[in-house]
Amino acid sequence: MFYYFPASKNKNYMNKQELISAIAEKTELSKADSEKALNAFTDSIKESLAQGENAQLVGFGTFSVSERAARVGRNPATGQEIQIAAKKVVKFKPGKAIDEAVN
């Protein structure tokens, strides 16, 4: 079964281009420079996590890698048991400043 959800004008998220525009506006950098800065940031976080290190930004939050154990799951269509392999997952714990801003 396929469900189609049309793009909403009242979306509850910020996409990458909107984030780049916000960075450009707040820093008075060009959008191209803002995109380079954002890409450098995300690449640095990815590299840190790939090496097994945490990435902590005081006041913002901490990105970390956690091990998820192998487990038995169930195929929802057939009810048949399946093996789900162990894997590493990325976690984010928000910092105090973000927690306070949201609450």
C-alpha atoms as a PDB file:
ATOM      1  CA  MET A   1       0.000   0.000   0.000  1.00  0.00           C
ATOM      2  CA  PHE A   2       1.336   3.446  -0.906  1.00  0.00           C
ATOM      3  CA  TYR A   3       0.467   6.638   0.919  1.00  0.00           C
ATOM      4  CA  TYR A   4       1.079  10.049  -0.590  1.00  0.00           C
ATOM      5  CA  PHE A   5       1.488  13.044   1.667  1.00  0.00           C
ATOM      6  CA  PRO A   6       1.710  16.284  -0.315  1.00  0.00           C
ATOM      7  CA  ALA A   7       4.206  18.887   0.825  1.00  0.00           C
ATOM      8  CA  SER A   8       2.585  21.100   3.399  1.00  0.00           C
ATOM      9  CA  LYS A   9       3.025  24.838   3.485  1.00  0.00           C
ATOM     10  CA  ASN A  10       2.834  24.601   7.282  1.00  0.00           C
ATOM     11  CA  LYS A  11       5.745  22.181   7.672  1.00  0.00           C
ATOM     12  CA  ASN A  12       7.311  21.704  11.068  1.00  0.00           C
ATOM     13  CA  TYR A  13      10.953  21.579  10.013  1.00  0.00           C
ATOM     14  CA  MET A  14      13.709  23.661   8.472  1.00  0.00           C
ATOM     15  CA  ASN A  15      15.331  22.233   5.349  1.00  0.00           C
ATOM     16  CA  LYS A  16      18.983  22.680   4.407  1.00  0.00           C
ATOM     17  CA  GLN A  17      18.426  25.640   2.080  1.00  0.00           C
ATOM     18  CA  GLU A  18      16.422  27.482   4.732  1.00  0.00           C
ATOM     19  CA  LEU A  19      19.185  26.818   7.265  1.00  0.00           C
ATOM     20  CA  ILE A  20      21.799  28.138   4.828  1.00  0.00           C
ATOM     21  CA  SER A  21      19.705  31.285   4.310  1.00  0.00           C
ATOM     22  CA  ALA A  22      19.360  31.772   8.081  1.00  0.00           C
ATOM     23  CA  ILE A  23      23.130  31.374   8.564  1.00  0.00           C
ATOM     24  CA  ALA A  24      23.812  33.850   5.751  1.00  0.00           C
ATOM     25  CA  GLU A  25      21.435  36.385   7.258  1.00  0.00           C
ATOM     26  CA  LYS A  26      22.807  36.107  10.806  1.00  0.00           C
ATOM     27  CA  THR A  27      26.495  36.106   9.819  1.00  0.00           C
ATOM     28  CA  GLU A  28      26.296  38.455   6.826  1.00  0.00           C
ATOM     29  CA  LEU A  29      28.103  35.825   4.750  1.00  0.00           C
ATOM     30  CA  SER A  30      27.039  34.947   1.229  1.00  0.00           C
ATOM     31  CA  LYS A  31      24.809  31.922   0.804  1.00  0.00           C
ATOM     32  CA  ALA A  32      27.683  30.113  -0.936  1.00  0.00           C
ATOM     33  CA  ASP A  33      30.012  30.737   2.016  1.00  0.00           C
ATOM     34  CA  SER A  34      27.267  29.772   4.455  1.00  0.00           C
ATOM     35  CA  GLU A  35      26.749  26.497   2.593  1.00  0.00           C
ATOM     36  CA  LYS A  36      30.497  25.800   2.735  1.00  0.00           C
ATOM     37  CA  ALA A  37      30.496  26.463   6.479  1.00  0.00           C
ATOM     38  CA  LEU A  38      27.484  24.200   7.067  1.00  0.00           C
ATOM     39  CA  ASN A  39      28.998  21.418   4.959  1.00  0.00           C
ATOM     40  CA  ALA A  40      32.299  21.719   6.842  1.00  0.00           C
ATOM     41  CA  PHE A  41      30.417  21.486  10.139  1.00  0.00           C
ATOM     42  CA  THR A  42      28.425  18.388   9.151  1.00  0.00           C
ATOM     43  CA  ASP A  43      31.491  16.712   7.607  1.00  0.00           C
ATOM     44  CA  SER A  44      33.491  17.326  10.779  1.00  0.00           C
ATOM     45  CA  ILE A  45      30.747  15.815  12.945  1.00  0.00           C
ATOM     46  CA  LYS A  46      30.502  12.777  10.618  1.00  0.00           C
ATOM     47  CA  GLU A  47      34.278  12.236  10.683  1.00  0.00           C
ATOM     48  CA  SER A  48      34.377  12.473  14.468  1.00  0.00           C
ATOM     49  CA  LEU A  49      31.554   9.964  14.883  1.00  0.00           C
ATOM     50  CA  ALA A  50      33.066   7.593  12.293  1.00  0.00           C
ATOM     51  CA  GLN A  51      36.251   7.515  14.403  1.00  0.00           C
ATOM     52  CA  GLY A  52      34.194   6.589  17.473  1.00  0.00           C
ATOM     53  CA  GLU A  53      34.571   9.984  19.135  1.00  0.00           C
ATOM     54  CA  ASN A  54      31.781  12.078  20.605  1.00  0.00           C
ATOM     55  CA  ALA A  55      31.205  15.589  19.277  1.00  0.00           C
ATOM     56  CA  GLN A  56      30.239  17.953  22.086  1.00  0.00           C
ATOM     57  CA  LEU A  57      29.210  21.550  21.523  1.00  0.00           C
ATOM     58  CA  VAL A  58      28.740  23.193  24.917  1.00  0.00           C
ATOM     59  CA  GLY A  59      25.296  24.777  25.138  1.00  0.00           C
ATOM     60  CA  PHE A  60      24.104  23.005  21.975  1.00  0.00           C
ATOM     61  CA  GLY A  61      24.422  19.288  22.605  1.00  0.00           C
ATOM     62  CA  THR A  62      26.405  16.093  22.205  1.00  0.00           C
ATOM     63  CA  PHE A  63      26.468  13.702  19.264  1.00  0.00           C
ATOM     64  CA  SER A  64      27.551  10.170  20.176  1.00  0.00           C
ATOM     65  CA  VAL A  65      27.664   6.660  18.714  1.00  0.00           C
ATOM     66  CA  SER A  66      25.988   3.770  20.481  1.00  0.00           C
ATOM     67  CA  GLU A  67      25.952   0.023  19.750  1.00  0.00           C
ATOM     68  CA  ARG A  68      22.579  -1.588  19.127  1.00  0.00           C
ATOM     69  CA  ALA A  69      22.578  -5.355  19.764  1.00  0.00           C
ATOM     70  CA  ALA A  70      21.303  -7.901  17.253  1.00  0.00           C
ATOM     71  CA  ARG A  71      17.708  -8.900  17.871  1.00  0.00           C
ATOM     72  CA  VAL A  72      14.796 -10.871  16.519  1.00  0.00           C
ATOM     73  CA  GLY A  73      12.093  -8.859  14.795  1.00  0.00           C
ATOM     74  CA  ARG A  74       8.887  -9.671  13.013  1.00  0.00           C
ATOM     75  CA  ASN A  75       7.907  -8.956   9.413  1.00  0.00           C
ATOM     76  CA  PRO A  76       4.654  -6.979   9.785  1.00  0.00           C
ATOM     77  CA  ALA A  77       3.292  -8.231   6.461  1.00  0.00           C
ATOM     78  CA  THR A  78       3.791 -11.956   7.069  1.00  0.00           C
ATOM     79  CA  GLY A  79       4.348 -12.245  10.810  1.00  0.00           C
ATOM     80  CA  GLN A  80       7.526 -14.239  10.114  1.00  0.00           C
ATOM     81  CA  GLU A  81      10.457 -13.784  12.511  1.00  0.00           C
ATOM     82  CA  ILE A  82      13.537 -12.120  11.039  1.00  0.00           C
ATOM     83  CA  GLN A  83      17.034 -11.498  12.357  1.00  0.00           C
ATOM     84  CA  ILE A  84      17.974  -7.843  12.702  1.00  0.00           C
ATOM     85  CA  ALA A  85      21.740  -7.352  12.665  1.00  0.00           C
ATOM     86  CA  ALA A  86      23.668  -5.396  15.273  1.00  0.00           C
ATOM     87  CA  LYS A  87      24.632  -1.894  14.214  1.00  0.00           C
ATOM     88  CA  LYS A  88      25.921   1.433  15.420  1.00  0.00           C
ATOM     89  CA  VAL A  89      23.459   4.293  15.799  1.00  0.00           C
ATOM     90  CA  VAL A  90      23.971   8.024  16.265  1.00  0.00           C
ATOM     91  CA  LYS A  91      22.407   9.693  19.283  1.00  0.00           C
ATOM     92  CA  PHE A  92      21.980  13.370  20.086  1.00  0.00           C
ATOM     93  CA  LYS A  93      21.549  14.729  23.591  1.00  0.00           C
ATOM     94  CA  PRO A  94      20.528  18.387  23.601  1.00  0.00           C
ATOM     95  CA  GLY A  95      22.432  20.827  25.780  1.00  0.00           C
ATOM     96  CA  LYS A  96      20.930  22.986  28.499  1.00  0.00           C
ATOM     97  CA  ALA A  97      20.521  26.074  26.270  1.00  0.00           C
ATOM     98  CA  ILE A  98      18.507  24.173  23.645  1.00  0.00           C
ATOM     99  CA  ASP A  99      16.466  22.388  26.288  1.00  0.00           C
ATOM    100  CA  GLU A 100      15.580  25.724  27.896  1.00  0.00           C
ATOM    101  CA  ALA A 101      14.764  27.344  24.542  1.00  0.00           C
ATOM    102  CA  VAL A 102      12.356  24.539  23.650  1.00  0.00           C
ATOM    103  CA  ASN A 103      10.708  24.413  27.054  1.00  0.00           C
END
